Amino acid sequence: MTSTPSRRDRPARRLPVLRRPTSRRTVRRPAVRRPTSGWSTEPVGPAARALPVLGRPERWRFGGSALVVVGLLLVGFALQFIAVSQVSYVRDQQLALDAYRFELANATAPVGQTGPDGRLVADGTPVALLRVPAIGLRSVVLQGTTSDVTRSGPGHRRDTPLPGQAGASVVYGRQTAYGGPFGRIAELHRGDTLTATTGQGTARYRVTDVRRTGDPVPAPMAVGDGRLTLVSGAGLPFLPHSVVRVDAELVSDPAPTPTPAFGYSSLEPRELTMAGDGTVWPFVVLGLIVLAAMVALFTVGMRLWGHRQTVVVAVPVVLAVGLFAASQLTLLLPNLM
């Protein structure tokens, strides 16, 4: 009697193997080659993308980055002169006015080349409040005539007495940039009045002459007389080619004049008329280097991080660095511009 084999003893049934139909063939596309006119002839593919070929496109990218740096610098320079400088002047004048009022109220305002502590008055210190009603001028006069000082307001030449004192006092002011406080002094006429308030009181002046480059200088003053000369650039806006001077004689009683501590020969070249401040060159170079580095990082970030994210983060930083470099560059220009 034969026994029926169990399920364990039965041989396993083999499943059919599914194979890809042999009627379909894989079609290989030919490698795409770049044009041979000035370009590499290597095929474009994963291997070619992994190892970029240095050639003319890289030189174009470097030149494009340089143009971007120059363009940002020019844009920052224009913004600095046209818009930022005007806002900066208003802010600096308000701060100087508040500080000078405090010093006048406490009788600590400087009245000579040295302060109450015996030290030379620092550049940028408020020394007078000038008013010229005929042209609507009301500005705080600061000590010093460098391009950095005249950005914040008219500057008093350090070797001359303060307004209201006996002798010839000289004040520089810009024509157009940074508020252009002296942009209209050429419109003054003989007989126009102006006042200057210092720590010794308010002095009154009367305009006697408006001089330009090449005109005769005024006659020497008698002992005890006072004169105030306003100096600014003359010519096209932002392009002064000469100097205009307004002479005004002191018609009020002169205030006591302290003994001067130094004279004209002690002034630096950057304190004279139409002079720039060459001491800012290191800051200009530093600003250009940082600006170029930021543009390079901006280019790399757009490839690795993304266009939108890079623009949101990098544009404000690049703009701030460009404005800093442009502000330092403006100090190289004439102090009367």
Protein backbone atom coordinates (compact mmCIF):
# COMPACT_ATOMS: atom_id res chain seq x y z
CA MET A 1 0.00 0.00 0.00
CA THR A 2 1.53 3.20 -1.18
CA SER A 3 1.37 6.36 0.96
CA THR A 4 0.56 9.81 -0.40
CA PRO A 5 3.54 12.26 -0.08
CA SER A 6 3.02 15.11 2.29
CA ARG A 7 3.34 18.81 1.40
CA ARG A 8 6.80 18.96 2.95
CA ASP A 9 8.04 16.15 0.70
CA ARG A 10 6.70 17.72 -2.49
CA PRO A 11 9.28 19.61 -4.62
CA ALA A 12 8.96 23.43 -4.60
CA ARG A 13 7.31 24.91 -7.64
CA ARG A 14 9.51 27.34 -9.55
CA LEU A 15 8.03 30.72 -10.45
CA PRO A 16 8.64 32.04 -13.94
CA VAL A 17 11.32 34.79 -14.21
CA LEU A 18 10.04 38.04 -15.73
CA ARG A 19 12.50 39.53 -18.17
CA ARG A 20 12.50 42.86 -20.01
CA PRO A 21 11.30 42.46 -23.55
CA THR A 22 14.19 42.18 -25.94
CA SER A 23 12.45 44.18 -28.61
CA ARG A 24 13.18 47.54 -26.86
CA ARG A 25 16.67 48.88 -27.25
CA THR A 26 18.38 51.57 -25.19
CA VAL A 27 19.06 54.60 -27.32
CA ARG A 28 22.19 56.54 -26.33
CA ARG A 29 22.28 60.20 -27.15
CA PRO A 30 25.50 61.55 -28.54
CA ALA A 31 27.56 63.78 -26.28
CA VAL A 32 26.87 67.46 -26.79
CA ARG A 33 29.96 69.45 -27.66
CA ARG A 34 30.49 73.18 -27.26
CA PRO A 35 31.31 75.41 -30.16
CA THR A 36 34.97 75.42 -31.08
CA SER A 37 35.28 79.22 -31.49
CA GLY A 38 37.28 80.18 -28.41
CA TRP A 39 35.67 77.53 -26.18
CA SER A 40 36.76 74.13 -24.83
CA THR A 41 35.78 71.10 -26.95
CA GLU A 42 35.26 68.79 -23.97
CA PRO A 43 31.81 67.11 -23.87
CA VAL A 44 29.27 68.51 -21.46
CA GLY A 45 28.26 65.94 -18.87
CA PRO A 46 28.69 64.98 -15.24
CA ALA A 47 32.43 64.46 -15.63
CA ALA A 48 32.89 67.74 -17.45
CA ARG A 49 30.86 69.65 -14.87
CA ALA A 50 32.95 68.24 -12.04
CA LEU A 51 36.14 69.66 -13.54
CA PRO A 52 35.45 73.15 -15.01
CA VAL A 53 37.71 74.28 -17.78
CA LEU A 54 39.40 77.62 -17.14
CA GLY A 55 39.02 79.91 -20.07
CA ARG A 56 37.43 83.07 -21.30
CA PRO A 57 34.21 82.82 -19.19
CA GLU A 58 36.26 82.98 -15.96
CA ARG A 59 38.03 86.09 -17.15
CA TRP A 60 34.66 87.61 -17.95
CA ARG A 61 33.42 86.76 -14.46
CA PHE A 62 36.46 88.42 -12.87
CA GLY A 63 35.97 91.50 -15.02
CA GLY A 64 32.29 91.52 -14.16
CA SER A 65 33.07 91.42 -10.44
CA ALA A 66 35.46 94.34 -10.85
CA LEU A 67 32.79 96.30 -12.68
CA VAL A 68 30.32 95.51 -9.90
CA VAL A 69 32.76 96.87 -7.29
CA VAL A 70 33.35 100.05 -9.28
CA GLY A 71 29.63 100.46 -9.91
CA LEU A 72 28.75 100.03 -6.25
CA LEU A 73 31.43 102.55 -5.31
CA LEU A 74 30.09 105.11 -7.79
CA VAL A 75 26.51 104.55 -6.65
CA GLY A 76 27.55 104.89 -3.01
CA PHE A 77 29.53 108.01 -3.85
CA ALA A 78 26.52 109.59 -5.58
CA LEU A 79 24.18 108.65 -2.74
CA GLN A 80 26.67 109.98 -0.21
CA PHE A 81 26.94 113.38 -1.88
CA ILE A 82 23.33 113.87 -2.99
CA ALA A 83 21.29 112.36 -0.16
CA VAL A 84 23.27 111.01 2.79
CA SER A 85 25.45 114.12 3.13
CA GLN A 86 22.44 116.39 3.52
CA VAL A 87 20.90 114.22 6.23
CA SER A 88 24.27 113.88 7.96
CA TYR A 89 24.72 117.66 8.00
CA VAL A 90 21.32 118.27 9.61
CA ARG A 91 22.01 115.65 12.29
CA ASP A 92 25.50 116.97 13.06
CA GLN A 93 24.26 120.55 13.25
CA GLN A 94 21.49 119.61 15.68
CA LEU A 95 23.93 117.78 17.92
CA ALA A 96 26.41 120.67 17.75
CA LEU A 97 23.68 123.20 18.58
CA ASP A 98 22.57 121.23 21.63
CA ALA A 99 26.15 120.89 22.86
CA TYR A 100 26.93 124.58 22.26
CA ARG A 101 23.81 125.77 24.08
CA PHE A 102 24.85 123.69 27.07
CA GLU A 103 28.35 125.21 27.02
CA LEU A 104 26.97 128.75 26.71
CA ALA A 105 24.61 128.17 29.63
CA ASN A 106 27.48 126.88 31.78
CA ALA A 107 30.02 129.50 30.58
CA THR A 108 32.38 126.78 29.33
CA ALA A 109 32.37 127.67 25.62
CA PRO A 110 35.90 128.22 24.22
CA VAL A 111 36.89 131.84 23.56
CA GLY A 112 40.34 131.29 22.08
CA GLN A 113 42.71 128.73 20.62
CA THR A 114 42.83 126.97 23.97
CA GLY A 115 40.00 125.84 26.21
CA PRO A 116 39.43 126.36 29.94
CA ASP A 117 41.81 123.46 30.64
CA GLY A 118 44.66 125.12 28.75
CA ARG A 119 44.69 122.57 25.94
CA LEU A 120 44.14 123.35 22.25
CA VAL A 121 40.48 123.30 21.25
CA ALA A 122 39.85 120.01 19.47
CA ASP A 123 38.71 119.98 15.85
CA GLY A 124 34.95 119.81 15.54
CA THR A 125 34.26 121.67 18.80
CA PRO A 126 31.44 124.27 18.48
CA VAL A 127 32.86 127.80 18.85
CA ALA A 128 30.16 130.16 17.46
CA LEU A 129 26.61 130.44 16.17
CA LEU A 130 26.49 132.30 12.83
CA ARG A 131 23.34 133.99 11.48
CA VAL A 132 23.01 135.66 8.06
CA PRO A 133 19.36 136.71 7.60
CA ALA A 134 19.81 137.86 3.98
CA ILE A 135 20.37 134.29 2.79
CA GLY A 136 18.57 132.44 5.59
CA LEU A 137 21.76 131.01 7.10
CA ARG A 138 21.89 129.79 10.68
CA SER A 139 24.74 127.40 11.42
CA VAL A 140 26.97 126.33 14.26
CA VAL A 141 30.62 127.11 13.49
CA LEU A 142 33.08 124.37 14.44
CA GLN A 143 36.77 124.57 15.20
CA GLY A 144 39.00 123.51 12.28
CA THR A 145 38.81 123.66 8.49
CA THR A 146 39.67 120.13 7.36
CA SER A 147 37.36 118.30 4.99
CA ASP A 148 36.18 116.14 7.87
CA VAL A 149 35.16 119.16 9.98
CA THR A 150 33.38 121.04 7.18
CA ARG A 151 31.16 117.98 6.64
CA SER A 152 29.38 118.89 9.87
CA GLY A 153 29.21 122.68 9.38
CA PRO A 154 31.24 125.83 8.73
CA GLY A 155 34.77 125.64 10.13
CA HIS A 156 36.75 128.35 11.92
CA ARG A 157 40.38 128.61 10.81
CA ARG A 158 42.33 127.83 13.95
CA ASP A 159 45.05 130.48 13.56
CA THR A 160 42.58 133.39 13.49
CA PRO A 161 40.66 135.01 16.39
CA LEU A 162 37.10 133.96 17.06
CA PRO A 163 34.24 136.03 15.62
CA GLY A 164 33.60 139.13 17.72
CA GLN A 165 37.23 139.61 18.68
CA ALA A 166 39.69 142.15 17.29
CA GLY A 167 41.56 141.00 14.20
CA ALA A 168 40.66 139.06 11.06
CA SER A 169 38.54 135.98 11.72
CA VAL A 170 38.12 133.45 8.87
CA VAL A 171 35.36 130.83 8.50
CA TYR A 172 35.19 128.17 5.76
CA GLY A 173 31.96 126.62 4.51
CA ARG A 174 30.96 124.16 1.80
CA GLN A 175 29.26 125.27 -1.40
CA THR A 176 26.97 122.31 -2.22
CA ALA A 177 27.72 119.07 -0.38
CA TYR A 178 26.85 118.40 3.26
CA GLY A 179 24.16 121.03 3.49
CA GLY A 180 26.05 123.62 1.43
CA PRO A 181 25.77 126.25 4.20
CA PHE A 182 27.83 128.83 2.26
CA GLY A 183 26.32 128.09 -1.13
CA ARG A 184 24.64 131.51 -1.32
CA ILE A 185 27.18 133.84 0.25
CA ALA A 186 27.99 135.25 -3.21
CA GLU A 187 24.47 136.74 -3.20
CA LEU A 188 25.28 139.04 -0.29
CA HIS A 189 25.62 142.78 -0.92
CA ARG A 190 27.31 145.64 0.83
CA GLY A 191 25.37 146.70 3.90
CA ASP A 192 23.91 143.25 4.67
CA THR A 193 24.25 142.36 8.33
CA LEU A 194 25.21 139.16 10.09
CA THR A 195 25.72 138.16 13.71
CA ALA A 196 28.00 135.72 15.51
CA THR A 197 27.28 134.47 19.02
CA THR A 198 30.20 133.17 21.05
CA GLY A 199 31.04 132.63 24.70
CA GLN A 200 31.76 136.39 24.89
CA GLY A 201 28.36 137.54 23.60
CA THR A 202 26.81 138.45 20.24
CA ALA A 203 28.86 140.40 17.70
CA ARG A 204 27.36 142.31 14.74
CA TYR A 205 29.00 142.63 11.33
CA ARG A 206 28.23 144.55 8.13
CA VAL A 207 29.22 143.23 4.70
CA THR A 208 31.80 145.46 2.95
CA ASP A 209 32.87 143.43 -0.07
CA VAL A 210 32.37 140.20 -2.04
CA ARG A 211 35.66 139.03 -3.56
CA ARG A 212 36.57 136.28 -6.01
CA THR A 213 39.85 134.76 -6.99
CA GLY A 214 42.15 137.49 -8.32
CA ASP A 215 40.30 140.45 -6.75
CA PRO A 216 42.29 142.91 -4.56
CA VAL A 217 42.60 142.06 -0.89
CA PRO A 218 41.06 144.44 1.66
CA ALA A 219 43.14 147.20 3.22
CA PRO A 220 44.87 146.49 6.54
CA MET A 221 42.74 147.10 9.62
CA ALA A 222 43.47 149.59 12.36
CA VAL A 223 44.41 148.35 15.80
CA GLY A 224 41.31 147.21 17.68
CA ASP A 225 39.14 146.69 14.57
CA GLY A 226 37.60 143.37 13.67
CA ARG A 227 36.72 141.61 10.41
CA LEU A 228 34.97 138.38 9.55
CA THR A 229 35.66 136.68 6.21
CA LEU A 230 33.41 133.89 4.93
CA VAL A 231 35.09 131.58 2.39
CA SER A 232 33.50 129.03 0.05
CA GLY A 233 33.87 127.42 -3.35
CA ALA A 234 32.58 129.11 -6.52
CA GLY A 235 31.50 127.53 -9.78
CA LEU A 236 29.22 124.67 -10.78
CA PRO A 237 27.61 122.60 -8.01
CA PHE A 238 30.01 119.86 -6.84
CA LEU A 239 32.62 121.28 -9.27
CA PRO A 240 34.02 124.50 -7.77
CA HIS A 241 36.84 126.00 -9.79
CA SER A 242 37.58 129.09 -7.68
CA VAL A 243 36.97 130.67 -4.27
CA VAL A 244 34.54 133.39 -3.19
CA ARG A 245 35.13 135.50 -0.06
CA VAL A 246 32.75 137.81 1.78
CA ASP A 247 34.33 140.46 4.03
CA ALA A 248 32.31 141.96 6.87
CA GLU A 249 33.50 144.60 9.32
CA LEU A 250 32.79 144.45 13.04
CA VAL A 251 30.33 147.19 13.98
CA SER A 252 29.86 146.21 17.64
CA ASP A 253 32.44 146.58 20.38
CA PRO A 254 35.23 144.00 20.05
CA ALA A 255 35.50 141.36 22.74
CA PRO A 256 38.77 140.69 24.58
CA THR A 257 41.18 138.78 22.36
CA PRO A 258 43.35 136.11 24.04
CA THR A 259 47.01 135.85 23.09
CA PRO A 260 47.33 133.37 20.19
CA ALA A 261 49.21 130.14 20.84
CA PHE A 262 50.22 129.56 17.20
CA GLY A 263 50.02 131.22 13.78
CA TYR A 264 49.38 130.51 10.11
CA SER A 265 52.63 128.57 9.69
CA SER A 266 51.39 125.91 12.13
CA LEU A 267 48.44 124.94 9.95
CA GLU A 268 48.54 121.66 8.06
CA PRO A 269 48.08 121.62 4.26
CA ARG A 270 44.70 119.89 4.68
CA GLU A 271 43.38 122.94 6.58
CA LEU A 272 43.89 125.41 3.72
CA THR A 273 41.38 126.45 1.07
CA MET A 274 40.27 123.82 -1.46
CA ALA A 275 42.33 121.13 0.26
CA GLY A 276 41.43 117.50 0.83
CA ASP A 277 42.31 115.23 3.72
CA GLY A 278 44.95 112.76 2.57
CA THR A 279 45.11 111.01 5.96
CA VAL A 280 42.01 108.94 5.09
CA TRP A 281 43.72 106.93 2.32
CA PRO A 282 44.15 103.82 4.56
CA PHE A 283 40.42 103.83 5.30
CA VAL A 284 39.59 104.24 1.61
CA VAL A 285 41.79 101.26 0.68
CA LEU A 286 40.33 99.19 3.52
CA GLY A 287 36.81 100.00 2.38
CA LEU A 288 37.61 98.98 -1.20
CA ILE A 289 39.16 95.68 -0.07
CA VAL A 290 36.17 94.82 2.11
CA LEU A 291 33.79 95.80 -0.69
CA ALA A 292 35.59 93.54 -3.19
CA ALA A 293 35.54 90.65 -0.70
CA MET A 294 31.82 91.12 -0.07
CA VAL A 295 31.09 91.07 -3.81
CA ALA A 296 33.09 87.84 -4.17
CA LEU A 297 31.17 86.24 -1.30
CA PHE A 298 27.96 87.52 -2.84
CA THR A 299 28.79 85.75 -6.12
CA VAL A 300 29.67 82.46 -4.39
CA GLY A 301 26.58 82.63 -2.20
CA MET A 302 24.28 83.00 -5.19
CA ARG A 303 25.61 79.71 -6.59
CA LEU A 304 25.70 77.68 -3.38
CA TRP A 305 22.96 79.17 -1.24
CA GLY A 306 20.47 80.63 -3.69
CA HIS A 307 19.73 83.93 -5.35
CA ARG A 308 16.89 85.09 -3.11
CA GLN A 309 18.54 84.24 0.20
CA THR A 310 21.84 85.80 -0.83
CA VAL A 311 20.22 89.01 -2.04
CA VAL A 312 18.28 89.46 1.20
CA VAL A 313 21.37 88.99 3.38
CA ALA A 314 24.18 90.46 1.28
CA VAL A 315 22.69 93.56 -0.36
CA PRO A 316 22.32 95.60 2.88
CA VAL A 317 25.86 94.67 3.95
CA VAL A 318 27.37 95.52 0.57
CA LEU A 319 25.45 98.80 0.48
CA ALA A 320 26.67 99.76 3.97
CA VAL A 321 30.29 98.98 3.08
CA GLY A 322 29.94 100.93 -0.17
CA LEU A 323 28.59 103.97 1.67
CA PHE A 324 31.47 103.79 4.16
CA ALA A 325 34.04 103.66 1.36
CA ALA A 326 32.28 106.52 -0.43
CA SER A 327 32.16 108.64 2.73
CA GLN A 328 35.90 108.22 3.17
CA LEU A 329 36.44 109.02 -0.47
CA THR A 330 34.58 112.33 -0.09
CA LEU A 331 37.19 113.45 2.45
CA LEU A 332 39.78 113.44 -0.31
CA LEU A 333 37.82 116.13 -2.14
CA PRO A 334 38.17 119.88 -1.44
CA ASN A 335 36.88 121.09 1.91
CA LEU A 336 34.84 123.86 0.21
CA MET A 337 32.97 121.66 -2.30
